[in-house]
PDB file of all heavy atoms in Angstrom:
ATOM      1  N   ASP A   1       0.834  -1.192   0.005  1.00  0.00           N
ATOM      2  CA  ASP A   1      -0.003   0.002   0.002  1.00  0.00           C
ATOM      3  C   ASP A   1       0.887   1.251   0.001  1.00  0.00           C
ATOM      4  O   ASP A   1       0.697   2.160  -0.800  1.00  0.00           O
ATOM      5  CB  ASP A   1      -0.909  -0.021   1.235  1.00  0.00           C
ATOM      6  CG  ASP A   1      -1.868   1.153   1.305  1.00  0.00           C
ATOM      7  OD1 ASP A   1      -1.853   2.021   0.422  1.00  0.00           O
ATOM      8  OD2 ASP A   1      -2.643   1.196   2.280  1.00  0.00           O
ATOM      9  N   ALA A   2       1.850   1.291   0.897  1.00  0.00           N
ATOM     10  CA  ALA A   2       2.763   2.439   0.969  1.00  0.00           C
ATOM     11  C   ALA A   2       3.593   2.590  -0.318  1.00  0.00           C
ATOM     12  O   ALA A   2       3.766   3.714  -0.818  1.00  0.00           O
ATOM     13  CB  ALA A   2       3.700   2.292   2.160  1.00  0.00           C
ATOM     14  N   ALA A   3       4.043   1.483  -0.866  1.00  0.00           N
ATOM     15  CA  ALA A   3       4.848   1.524  -2.094  1.00  0.00           C
ATOM     16  C   ALA A   3       4.051   2.027  -3.277  1.00  0.00           C
ATOM     17  O   ALA A   3       4.529   2.865  -4.054  1.00  0.00           O
ATOM     18  CB  ALA A   3       5.439   0.154  -2.381  1.00  0.00           C
ATOM     19  N   PHE A   4       2.829   1.525  -3.426  1.00  0.00           N
ATOM     20  CA  PHE A   4       1.979   2.007  -4.508  1.00  0.00           C
ATOM     21  C   PHE A   4       1.687   3.506  -4.368  1.00  0.00           C
ATOM     22  O   PHE A   4       1.697   4.282  -5.362  1.00  0.00           O
ATOM     23  CB  PHE A   4       0.647   1.243  -4.556  1.00  0.00           C
ATOM     24  CG  PHE A   4       0.725  -0.091  -5.223  1.00  0.00           C
ATOM     25  CD1 PHE A   4       0.259  -1.249  -4.612  1.00  0.00           C
ATOM     26  CD2 PHE A   4       1.233  -0.211  -6.517  1.00  0.00           C
ATOM     27  CE1 PHE A   4       0.309  -2.478  -5.233  1.00  0.00           C
ATOM     28  CE2 PHE A   4       1.280  -1.453  -7.171  1.00  0.00           C
ATOM     29  CZ  PHE A   4       0.836  -2.586  -6.521  1.00  0.00           C
ATOM     30  N   ALA A   5       1.445   3.950  -3.130  1.00  0.00           N
ATOM     31  CA  ALA A   5       1.092   5.337  -2.872  1.00  0.00           C
ATOM     32  C   ALA A   5       2.252   6.284  -3.182  1.00  0.00           C
ATOM     33  O   ALA A   5       2.052   7.410  -3.658  1.00  0.00           O
ATOM     34  CB  ALA A   5       0.638   5.526  -1.433  1.00  0.00           C
ATOM     35  N   GLU A   6       3.487   5.849  -2.888  1.00  0.00           N
ATOM     36  CA  GLU A   6       4.645   6.718  -3.058  1.00  0.00           C
ATOM     37  C   GLU A   6       5.427   6.426  -4.339  1.00  0.00           C
ATOM     38  O   GLU A   6       6.485   7.020  -4.562  1.00  0.00           O
ATOM     39  CB  GLU A   6       5.585   6.538  -1.842  1.00  0.00           C
ATOM     40  CG  GLU A   6       4.939   6.819  -0.490  1.00  0.00           C
ATOM     41  CD  GLU A   6       4.513   8.248  -0.336  1.00  0.00           C
ATOM     42  OE1 GLU A   6       5.034   9.124  -1.089  1.00  0.00           O
ATOM     43  OE2 GLU A   6       3.636   8.528   0.496  1.00  0.00           O
ATOM     44  N   ASP A   7       4.907   5.557  -5.198  1.00  0.00           N
ATOM     45  CA  ASP A   7       5.636   5.155  -6.397  1.00  0.00           C
ATOM     46  C   ASP A   7       5.821   6.299  -7.389  1.00  0.00           C
ATOM     47  O   ASP A   7       6.791   6.343  -8.144  1.00  0.00           O
ATOM     48  CB  ASP A   7       4.914   3.982  -7.070  1.00  0.00           C
ATOM     49  CG  ASP A   7       5.688   3.447  -8.265  1.00  0.00           C
ATOM     50  OD1 ASP A   7       6.596   2.623  -8.056  1.00  0.00           O
ATOM     51  OD2 ASP A   7       5.373   3.868  -9.409  1.00  0.00           O
ATOM     52  N   GLY A   8       4.871   7.220  -7.421  1.00  0.00           N
ATOM     53  CA  GLY A   8       4.940   8.315  -8.391  1.00  0.00           C
ATOM     54  C   GLY A   8       4.200   8.044  -9.667  1.00  0.00           C
ATOM     55  O   GLY A   8       4.122   8.944 -10.533  1.00  0.00           O
ATOM     56  N   SER A   9       3.657   6.844  -9.810  1.00  0.00           N
ATOM     57  CA  SER A   9       2.900   6.515 -11.013  1.00  0.00           C
ATOM     58  C   SER A   9       1.392   6.577 -10.721  1.00  0.00           C
ATOM     59  O   SER A   9       0.971   6.340  -9.591  1.00  0.00           O
ATOM     60  CB  SER A   9       3.246   5.086 -11.483  1.00  0.00           C
ATOM     61  OG  SER A   9       4.613   4.953 -11.758  1.00  0.00           O
ATOM     62  N   ASP A  10       0.629   6.913 -11.731  1.00  0.00           N
ATOM     63  CA  ASP A  10      -0.822   6.958 -11.600  1.00  0.00           C
ATOM     64  C   ASP A  10      -1.401   5.620 -12.042  1.00  0.00           C
ATOM     65  O   ASP A  10      -1.526   5.341 -13.230  1.00  0.00           O
ATOM     66  CB  ASP A  10      -1.393   8.096 -12.454  1.00  0.00           C
ATOM     67  CG  ASP A  10      -2.915   8.228 -12.261  1.00  0.00           C
ATOM     68  OD1 ASP A  10      -3.472   7.539 -11.402  1.00  0.00           O
ATOM     69  OD2 ASP A  10      -3.526   9.042 -13.013  1.00  0.00           O
ATOM     70  N   PHE A  11      -1.744   4.801 -11.050  1.00  0.00           N
ATOM     71  CA  PHE A  11      -2.272   3.465 -11.371  1.00  0.00           C
ATOM     72  C   PHE A  11      -3.778   3.494 -11.592  1.00  0.00           C
ATOM     73  O   PHE A  11      -4.347   2.480 -12.003  1.00  0.00           O
ATOM     74  CB  PHE A  11      -1.947   2.492 -10.217  1.00  0.00           C
ATOM     75  CG  PHE A  11      -0.476   2.231 -10.048  1.00  0.00           C
ATOM     76  CD1 PHE A  11       0.237   2.864  -9.032  1.00  0.00           C
ATOM     77  CD2 PHE A  11       0.202   1.344 -10.878  1.00  0.00           C
ATOM     78  CE1 PHE A  11       1.594   2.634  -8.863  1.00  0.00           C
ATOM     79  CE2 PHE A  11       1.570   1.109 -10.708  1.00  0.00           C
ATOM     80  CZ  PHE A  11       2.250   1.758  -9.698  1.00  0.00           C
ATOM     81  N   GLY A  12      -4.432   4.619 -11.326  1.00  0.00           N
ATOM     82  CA  GLY A  12      -5.866   4.721 -11.569  1.00  0.00           C
ATOM     83  C   GLY A  12      -6.729   4.043 -10.540  1.00  0.00           C
ATOM     84  O   GLY A  12      -7.946   4.058 -10.670  1.00  0.00           O
ATOM     85  N   VAL A  13      -6.112   3.463  -9.509  1.00  0.00           N
ATOM     86  CA  VAL A  13      -6.844   2.750  -8.468  1.00  0.00           C
ATOM     87  C   VAL A  13      -6.206   3.135  -7.133  1.00  0.00           C
ATOM     88  O   VAL A  13      -4.985   3.274  -7.044  1.00  0.00           O
ATOM     89  CB  VAL A  13      -6.744   1.219  -8.666  1.00  0.00           C
ATOM     90  CG1 VAL A  13      -7.480   0.460  -7.546  1.00  0.00           C
ATOM     91  CG2 VAL A  13      -7.296   0.806 -10.030  1.00  0.00           C
ATOM     92  N   PRO A  14      -6.994   3.340  -6.081  1.00  0.00           N
ATOM     93  CA  PRO A  14      -6.408   3.648  -4.775  1.00  0.00           C
ATOM     94  C   PRO A  14      -5.374   2.630  -4.344  1.00  0.00           C
ATOM     95  O   PRO A  14      -5.524   1.422  -4.579  1.00  0.00           O
ATOM     96  CB  PRO A  14      -7.622   3.665  -3.836  1.00  0.00           C
ATOM     97  CG  PRO A  14      -8.780   3.998  -4.732  1.00  0.00           C
ATOM     98  CD  PRO A  14      -8.483   3.336  -6.034  1.00  0.00           C
ATOM     99  N   SER A  15      -4.327   3.117  -3.695  1.00  0.00           N
ATOM    100  CA  SER A  15      -3.220   2.234  -3.330  1.00  0.00           C
ATOM    101  C   SER A  15      -3.661   1.087  -2.421  1.00  0.00           C
ATOM    102  O   SER A  15      -3.156  -0.033  -2.538  1.00  0.00           O
ATOM    103  CB  SER A  15      -2.104   3.045  -2.652  1.00  0.00           C
ATOM    104  OG  SER A  15      -2.588   3.677  -1.465  1.00  0.00           O
ATOM    105  N   ALA A  16      -4.582   1.363  -1.491  1.00  0.00           N
ATOM    106  CA  ALA A  16      -5.036   0.307  -0.600  1.00  0.00           C
ATOM    107  C   ALA A  16      -5.745  -0.799  -1.364  1.00  0.00           C
ATOM    108  O   ALA A  16      -5.594  -1.997  -1.050  1.00  0.00           O
ATOM    109  CB  ALA A  16      -5.997   0.888   0.463  1.00  0.00           C
ATOM    110  N   ASP A  17      -6.524  -0.430  -2.372  1.00  0.00           N
ATOM    111  CA  ASP A  17      -7.207  -1.430  -3.208  1.00  0.00           C
ATOM    112  C   ASP A  17      -6.206  -2.233  -4.047  1.00  0.00           C
ATOM    113  O   ASP A  17      -6.340  -3.446  -4.204  1.00  0.00           O
ATOM    114  CB  ASP A  17      -8.232  -0.766  -4.135  1.00  0.00           C
ATOM    115  CG  ASP A  17      -9.369  -0.108  -3.364  1.00  0.00           C
ATOM    116  OD1 ASP A  17      -9.537  -0.442  -2.170  1.00  0.00           O
ATOM    117  OD2 ASP A  17     -10.077   0.736  -3.957  1.00  0.00           O
ATOM    118  N   LEU A  18      -5.185  -1.533  -4.560  1.00  0.00           N
ATOM    119  CA  LEU A  18      -4.172  -2.233  -5.355  1.00  0.00           C
ATOM    120  C   LEU A  18      -3.436  -3.263  -4.493  1.00  0.00           C
ATOM    121  O   LEU A  18      -3.176  -4.384  -4.927  1.00  0.00           O
ATOM    122  CB  LEU A  18      -3.163  -1.226  -5.891  1.00  0.00           C
ATOM    123  CG  LEU A  18      -3.516  -0.485  -7.192  1.00  0.00           C
ATOM    124  CD1 LEU A  18      -2.464   0.568  -7.476  1.00  0.00           C
ATOM    125  CD2 LEU A  18      -3.628  -1.466  -8.350  1.00  0.00           C
ATOM    126  N   ALA A  19      -3.086  -2.879  -3.270  1.00  0.00           N
ATOM    127  CA  ALA A  19      -2.303  -3.774  -2.426  1.00  0.00           C
ATOM    128  C   ALA A  19      -3.067  -5.032  -2.059  1.00  0.00           C
ATOM    129  O   ALA A  19      -2.442  -6.086  -1.843  1.00  0.00           O
ATOM    130  CB  ALA A  19      -1.911  -3.043  -1.144  1.00  0.00           C
ATOM    131  N   ARG A  20      -4.395  -4.957  -2.045  1.00  0.00           N
ATOM    132  CA  ARG A  20      -5.208  -6.111  -1.671  1.00  0.00           C
ATOM    133  C   ARG A  20      -5.909  -6.771  -2.851  1.00  0.00           C
ATOM    134  O   ARG A  20      -6.725  -7.653  -2.677  1.00  0.00           O
ATOM    135  CB  ARG A  20      -6.245  -5.661  -0.618  1.00  0.00           C
ATOM    136  CG  ARG A  20      -5.571  -5.281   0.706  1.00  0.00           C
ATOM    137  CD  ARG A  20      -6.414  -4.360   1.566  1.00  0.00           C
ATOM    138  NE  ARG A  20      -5.696  -3.991   2.790  1.00  0.00           N
ATOM    139  CZ  ARG A  20      -4.772  -3.054   2.867  1.00  0.00           C
ATOM    140  NH1 ARG A  20      -4.425  -2.386   1.785  1.00  0.00           N
ATOM    141  NH2 ARG A  20      -4.152  -2.799   4.008  1.00  0.00           N
ATOM    142  N   HIS A  21      -5.570  -6.306  -4.059  1.00  0.00           N
ATOM    143  CA  HIS A  21      -6.184  -6.840  -5.266  1.00  0.00           C
ATOM    144  C   HIS A  21      -5.743  -8.302  -5.480  1.00  0.00           C
ATOM    145  O   HIS A  21      -4.629  -8.675  -5.115  1.00  0.00           O
ATOM    146  CB  HIS A  21      -5.775  -5.986  -6.474  1.00  0.00           C
ATOM    147  CG  HIS A  21      -6.628  -6.190  -7.677  1.00  0.00           C
ATOM    148  ND1 HIS A  21      -6.473  -7.271  -8.536  1.00  0.00           N
ATOM    149  CD2 HIS A  21      -7.655  -5.469  -8.166  1.00  0.00           C
ATOM    150  CE1 HIS A  21      -7.347  -7.187  -9.501  1.00  0.00           C
ATOM    151  NE2 HIS A  21      -8.090  -6.103  -9.315  1.00  0.00           N
ATOM    152  N   VAL A  22      -6.619  -9.086  -6.097  1.00  0.00           N
ATOM    153  CA  VAL A  22      -6.321 -10.488  -6.324  1.00  0.00           C
ATOM    154  C   VAL A  22      -5.054 -10.640  -7.168  1.00  0.00           C
ATOM    155  O   VAL A  22      -4.257 -11.591  -6.960  1.00  0.00           O
ATOM    156  CB  VAL A  22      -7.515 -11.209  -6.978  1.00  0.00           C
ATOM    157  CG1 VAL A  22      -7.850 -10.580  -8.320  1.00  0.00           C
ATOM    158  CG2 VAL A  22      -7.245 -12.695  -7.108  1.00  0.00           C
ATOM    159  N   LEU A  23      -4.825  -9.711  -8.095  1.00  0.00           N
ATOM    160  CA  LEU A  23      -3.617  -9.823  -8.921  1.00  0.00           C
ATOM    161  C   LEU A  23      -2.361  -9.590  -8.095  1.00  0.00           C
ATOM    162  O   LEU A  23      -1.330 -10.214  -8.331  1.00  0.00           O
ATOM    163  CB  LEU A  23      -3.692  -8.830 -10.082  1.00  0.00           C
ATOM    164  CG  LEU A  23      -4.776  -9.090 -11.148  1.00  0.00           C
ATOM    165  CD1 LEU A  23      -4.740  -8.010 -12.212  1.00  0.00           C
ATOM    166  CD2 LEU A  23      -4.585 -10.474 -11.779  1.00  0.00           C
ATOM    167  N   SER A  24      -2.448  -8.680  -7.112  1.00  0.00           N
ATOM    168  CA  SER A  24      -1.294  -8.452  -6.252  1.00  0.00           C
ATOM    169  C   SER A  24      -1.043  -9.683  -5.380  1.00  0.00           C
ATOM    170  O   SER A  24       0.115 -10.123  -5.191  1.00  0.00           O
ATOM    171  CB  SER A  24      -1.523  -7.231  -5.359  1.00  0.00           C
ATOM    172  OG  SER A  24      -1.553  -6.039  -6.121  1.00  0.00           O
ATOM    173  N   ARG A  25      -2.113 -10.269  -4.831  1.00  0.00           N
ATOM    174  CA  ARG A  25      -1.942 -11.459  -4.012  1.00  0.00           C
ATOM    175  C   ARG A  25      -1.337 -12.611  -4.785  1.00  0.00           C
ATOM    176  O   ARG A  25      -0.420 -13.300  -4.325  1.00  0.00           O
ATOM    177  CB  ARG A  25      -3.295 -11.892  -3.397  1.00  0.00           C
ATOM    178  CG  ARG A  25      -3.850 -10.929  -2.393  1.00  0.00           C
ATOM    179  CD  ARG A  25      -4.849 -11.629  -1.463  1.00  0.00           C
ATOM    180  NE  ARG A  25      -5.900 -12.299  -2.216  1.00  0.00           N
ATOM    181  CZ  ARG A  25      -7.054 -11.750  -2.550  1.00  0.00           C
ATOM    182  NH1 ARG A  25      -7.300 -10.473  -2.230  1.00  0.00           N
ATOM    183  NH2 ARG A  25      -7.986 -12.411  -3.204  1.00  0.00           N
ATOM    184  N   MET A  26      -1.820 -12.822  -6.020  1.00  0.00           N
ATOM    185  CA  MET A  26      -1.296 -13.909  -6.838  1.00  0.00           C
ATOM    186  C   MET A  26       0.105 -13.575  -7.335  1.00  0.00           C
ATOM    187  O   MET A  26       0.952 -14.465  -7.500  1.00  0.00           O
ATOM    188  CB  MET A  26      -2.229 -14.196  -7.999  1.00  0.00           C
ATOM    189  CG  MET A  26      -3.615 -14.658  -7.566  1.00  0.00           C
ATOM    190  SD  MET A  26      -4.690 -15.148  -8.919  1.00  0.00           S
ATOM    191  CE  MET A  26      -3.996 -16.739  -9.347  1.00  0.00           C
ATOM    192  N   GLY A  27       0.374 -12.291  -7.534  1.00  0.00           N
ATOM    193  CA  GLY A  27       1.725 -11.887  -7.946  1.00  0.00           C
ATOM    194  C   GLY A  27       2.755 -12.121  -6.863  1.00  0.00           C
ATOM    195  O   GLY A  27       3.888 -12.529  -7.129  1.00  0.00           O
ATOM    196  N   MET A  28       2.373 -11.859  -5.599  1.00  0.00           N
ATOM    197  CA  MET A  28       3.289 -12.144  -4.478  1.00  0.00           C
ATOM    198  C   MET A  28       3.557 -13.645  -4.371  1.00  0.00           C
ATOM    199  O   MET A  28       4.614 -14.042  -3.895  1.00  0.00           O
ATOM    200  CB  MET A  28       2.713 -11.577  -3.179  1.00  0.00           C
ATOM    201  CG  MET A  28       2.838 -10.073  -3.050  1.00  0.00           C
ATOM    202  SD  MET A  28       2.390  -9.466  -1.410  1.00  0.00           S
ATOM    203  CE  MET A  28       0.600  -9.533  -1.494  1.00  0.00           C
ATOM    204  N   ALA A  29       2.584 -14.445  -4.814  1.00  0.00           N
ATOM    205  CA  ALA A  29       2.772 -15.916  -4.780  1.00  0.00           C
ATOM    206  C   ALA A  29       3.408 -16.424  -6.061  1.00  0.00           C
ATOM    207  O   ALA A  29       3.557 -17.644  -6.241  1.00  0.00           O
ATOM    208  CB  ALA A  29       1.396 -16.576  -4.572  1.00  0.00           C
ATOM    209  N   HIS A  30       3.782 -15.502  -6.992  1.00  0.00           N
ATOM    210  CA  HIS A  30       4.455 -15.847  -8.253  1.00  0.00           C
ATOM    211  C   HIS A  30       3.623 -16.843  -9.055  1.00  0.00           C
ATOM    212  O   HIS A  30       4.095 -17.911  -9.431  1.00  0.00           O
ATOM    213  CB  HIS A  30       5.845 -16.387  -7.981  1.00  0.00           C
ATOM    214  CG  HIS A  30       6.687 -15.486  -7.148  1.00  0.00           C
ATOM    215  ND1 HIS A  30       7.107 -14.254  -7.552  1.00  0.00           N
ATOM    216  CD2 HIS A  30       7.186 -15.652  -5.869  1.00  0.00           C
ATOM    217  CE1 HIS A  30       7.823 -13.671  -6.586  1.00  0.00           C
ATOM    218  NE2 HIS A  30       7.891 -14.511  -5.571  1.00  0.00           N
ATOM    219  N   HIS A  31       2.378 -16.466  -9.316  1.00  0.00           N
ATOM    220  CA  HIS A  31       1.469 -17.309 -10.076  1.00  0.00           C
ATOM    221  C   HIS A  31       2.043 -17.635 -11.469  1.00  0.00           C
ATOM    222  O   HIS A  31       2.553 -16.752 -12.166  1.00  0.00           O
ATOM    223  CB  HIS A  31       0.123 -16.590 -10.246  1.00  0.00           C
ATOM    224  CG  HIS A  31      -0.817 -17.272 -11.180  1.00  0.00           C
ATOM    225  ND1 HIS A  31      -1.550 -18.365 -10.818  1.00  0.00           N
ATOM    226  CD2 HIS A  31      -1.122 -17.021 -12.492  1.00  0.00           C
ATOM    227  CE1 HIS A  31      -2.293 -18.773 -11.844  1.00  0.00           C
ATOM    228  NE2 HIS A  31      -2.031 -17.974 -12.878  1.00  0.00           N
ATOM    229  N   ARG A  32       1.962 -18.887 -11.811  1.00  0.00           N
ATOM    230  CA  ARG A  32       2.404 -19.347 -13.130  1.00  0.00           C
ATOM    231  C   ARG A  32       1.314 -20.244 -13.744  1.00  0.00           C
ATOM    232  O   ARG A  32       1.118 -21.370 -13.351  1.00  0.00           O
ATOM    233  CB  ARG A  32       3.708 -20.147 -13.032  1.00  0.00           C
ATOM    234  CG  ARG A  32       4.918 -19.302 -12.642  1.00  0.00           C
ATOM    235  CD  ARG A  32       5.247 -18.249 -13.701  1.00  0.00           C
ATOM    236  NE  ARG A  32       6.442 -17.485 -13.388  1.00  0.00           N
ATOM    237  CZ  ARG A  32       6.469 -16.359 -12.694  1.00  0.00           C
ATOM    238  NH1 ARG A  32       5.323 -15.881 -12.224  1.00  0.00           N
ATOM    239  NH2 ARG A  32       7.588 -15.716 -12.460  1.00  0.00           N
ATOM    240  N   GLY A  33       0.572 -19.663 -14.659  1.00  0.00           N
ATOM    241  CA  GLY A  33      -0.407 -20.402 -15.425  1.00  0.00           C
ATOM    242  C   GLY A  33      -0.238 -19.959 -16.867  1.00  0.00           C
ATOM    243  O   GLY A  33       0.878 -19.866 -17.381  1.00  0.00           O
ATOM    244  N   LEU A  34      -1.357 -19.674 -17.531  1.00  0.00           N
ATOM    245  CA  LEU A  34      -1.225 -19.047 -18.836  1.00  0.00           C
ATOM    246  C   LEU A  34      -0.678 -17.622 -18.688  1.00  0.00           C
ATOM    247  O   LEU A  34      -0.084 -17.070 -19.612  1.00  0.00           O
ATOM    248  CB  LEU A  34      -2.583 -19.011 -19.545  1.00  0.00           C
ATOM    249  CG  LEU A  34      -3.153 -20.379 -19.938  1.00  0.00           C
ATOM    250  CD1 LEU A  34      -4.510 -20.217 -20.589  1.00  0.00           C
ATOM    251  CD2 LEU A  34      -2.203 -21.107 -20.875  1.00  0.00           C
ATOM    252  N   VAL A  35      -0.892 -17.084 -17.496  1.00  0.00           N
ATOM    253  CA  VAL A  35      -0.364 -15.765 -17.174  1.00  0.00           C
ATOM    254  C   VAL A  35       0.697 -15.920 -16.099  1.00  0.00           C
ATOM    255  O   VAL A  35       0.502 -16.657 -15.129  1.00  0.00           O
ATOM    256  CB  VAL A  35      -1.493 -14.828 -16.666  1.00  0.00           C
ATOM    257  CG1 VAL A  35      -0.932 -13.483 -16.208  1.00  0.00           C
ATOM    258  CG2 VAL A  35      -2.533 -14.617 -17.766  1.00  0.00           C
ATOM    259  N   ALA A  36       1.811 -15.218 -16.256  1.00  0.00           N
ATOM    260  CA  ALA A  36       2.829 -15.187 -15.203  1.00  0.00           C
ATOM    261  C   ALA A  36       2.714 -13.884 -14.448  1.00  0.00           C
ATOM    262  O   ALA A  36       2.725 -12.794 -15.064  1.00  0.00           O
ATOM    263  CB  ALA A  36       4.222 -15.329 -15.823  1.00  0.00           C
ATOM    264  N   LEU A  37       2.591 -13.957 -13.135  1.00  0.00           N
ATOM    265  CA  LEU A  37       2.419 -12.766 -12.314  1.00  0.00           C
ATOM    266  C   LEU A  37       3.492 -12.682 -11.232  1.00  0.00           C
ATOM    267  O   LEU A  37       3.763 -13.674 -10.539  1.00  0.00           O
ATOM    268  CB  LEU A  37       1.040 -12.766 -11.633  1.00  0.00           C
ATOM    269  CG  LEU A  37      -0.199 -12.705 -12.548  1.00  0.00           C
ATOM    270  CD1 LEU A  37      -1.470 -12.856 -11.726  1.00  0.00           C
ATOM    271  CD2 LEU A  37      -0.220 -11.357 -13.281  1.00  0.00           C
ATOM    272  N   ASP A  38       4.131 -11.539 -11.138  1.00  0.00           N
ATOM    273  CA  ASP A  38       5.097 -11.285 -10.075  1.00  0.00           C
ATOM    274  C   ASP A  38       4.857  -9.876  -9.526  1.00  0.00           C
ATOM    275  O   ASP A  38       4.783  -8.917 -10.305  1.00  0.00           O
ATOM    276  CB  ASP A  38       6.539 -11.390 -10.589  1.00  0.00           C
ATOM    277  CG  ASP A  38       6.924 -12.806 -10.960  1.00  0.00           C
ATOM    278  OD1 ASP A  38       7.012 -13.630 -10.039  1.00  0.00           O
ATOM    279  OD2 ASP A  38       7.124 -13.065 -12.151  1.00  0.00           O
ATOM    280  N   VAL A  39       4.743  -9.754  -8.247  1.00  0.00           N
ATOM    281  CA  VAL A  39       4.600  -8.454  -7.578  1.00  0.00           C
ATOM    282  C   VAL A  39       5.543  -8.437  -6.393  1.00  0.00           C
ATOM    283  O   VAL A  39       5.591  -9.392  -5.595  1.00  0.00           O
ATOM    284  CB  VAL A  39       3.162  -8.186  -7.103  1.00  0.00           C
ATOM    285  CG1 VAL A  39       3.089  -6.909  -6.265  1.00  0.00           C
ATOM    286  CG2 VAL A  39       2.224  -8.059  -8.306  1.00  0.00           C
ATOM    287  N   GLY A  40       6.319  -7.369  -6.256  1.00  0.00           N
ATOM    288  CA  GLY A  40       7.246  -7.241  -5.126  1.00  0.00           C
ATOM    289  C   GLY A  40       7.679  -5.797  -4.992  1.00  0.00           C
ATOM    290  O   GLY A  40       7.111  -4.896  -5.608  1.00  0.00           O
ATOM    291  N   LEU A  41       8.646  -5.581  -4.170  1.00  0.00           N
ATOM    292  CA  LEU A  41       9.185  -4.255  -3.910  1.00  0.00           C
ATOM    293  C   LEU A  41      10.526  -4.086  -4.607  1.00  0.00           C
ATOM    294  O   LEU A  41      11.291  -5.032  -4.727  1.00  0.00           O
ATOM    295  CB  LEU A  41       9.333  -3.996  -2.416  1.00  0.00           C
ATOM    296  CG  LEU A  41       8.050  -4.000  -1.585  1.00  0.00           C
ATOM    297  CD1 LEU A  41       8.380  -3.765  -0.123  1.00  0.00           C
ATOM    298  CD2 LEU A  41       7.056  -2.954  -2.089  1.00  0.00           C
ATOM    299  N   ASN A  42      10.820  -2.854  -5.008  1.00  0.00           N
ATOM    300  CA  ASN A  42      12.072  -2.539  -5.682  1.00  0.00           C
ATOM    301  C   ASN A  42      13.024  -1.793  -4.768  1.00  0.00           C
ATOM    302  O   ASN A  42      13.999  -1.207  -5.221  1.00  0.00           O
ATOM    303  CB  ASN A  42      11.796  -1.712  -6.950  1.00  0.00           C
ATOM    304  CG  ASN A  42      12.974  -1.726  -7.913  1.00  0.00           C
ATOM    305  OD1 ASN A  42      13.689  -2.727  -8.016  1.00  0.00           O
ATOM    306  ND2 ASN A  42      13.173  -0.632  -8.620  1.00  0.00           N
ATOM    307  N   LEU A  43      12.753  -1.792  -3.474  1.00  0.00           N
ATOM    308  CA  LEU A  43      13.587  -1.211  -2.450  1.00  0.00           C
ATOM    309  C   LEU A  43      13.746  -2.213  -1.300  1.00  0.00           C
ATOM    310  O   LEU A  43      12.823  -2.996  -1.049  1.00  0.00           O
ATOM    311  CB  LEU A  43      12.977   0.090  -1.894  1.00  0.00           C
ATOM    312  CG  LEU A  43      13.082   1.375  -2.687  1.00  0.00           C
ATOM    313  CD1 LEU A  43      12.338   2.491  -1.941  1.00  0.00           C
ATOM    314  CD2 LEU A  43      14.530   1.777  -2.909  1.00  0.00           C
ATOM    315  N   PRO A  44      14.845  -2.190  -0.597  1.00  0.00           N
ATOM    316  CA  PRO A  44      14.934  -3.027   0.606  1.00  0.00           C
ATOM    317  C   PRO A  44      14.007  -2.487   1.681  1.00  0.00           C
ATOM    318  O   PRO A  44      13.590  -1.340   1.652  1.00  0.00           O
ATOM    319  CB  PRO A  44      16.413  -2.912   1.009  1.00  0.00           C
ATOM    320  CG  PRO A  44      16.838  -1.583   0.460  1.00  0.00           C
ATOM    321  CD  PRO A  44      16.068  -1.402  -0.826  1.00  0.00           C
ATOM    322  N   VAL A  45      13.694  -3.346   2.640  1.00  0.00           N
ATOM    323  CA  VAL A  45      12.872  -2.957   3.773  1.00  0.00           C
ATOM    324  C   VAL A  45      13.730  -3.056   5.023  1.00  0.00           C
ATOM    325  O   VAL A  45      14.387  -4.065   5.274  1.00  0.00           O
ATOM    326  CB  VAL A  45      11.623  -3.869   3.916  1.00  0.00           C
ATOM    327  CG1 VAL A  45      10.863  -3.539   5.203  1.00  0.00           C
ATOM    328  CG2 VAL A  45      10.724  -3.746   2.713  1.00  0.00           C
TER     329      VAL A  45
END
């Protein structure tokens, strides 16, 4: 949520909704089907 909000890009969707979106959840799990999904952070924590 914080990363989406401070990313500087206009995603067109509130950051809280993006962080909890099914695509984000499946991306964190590195979904591999007909679609490959990856979601993560580009900064250390």
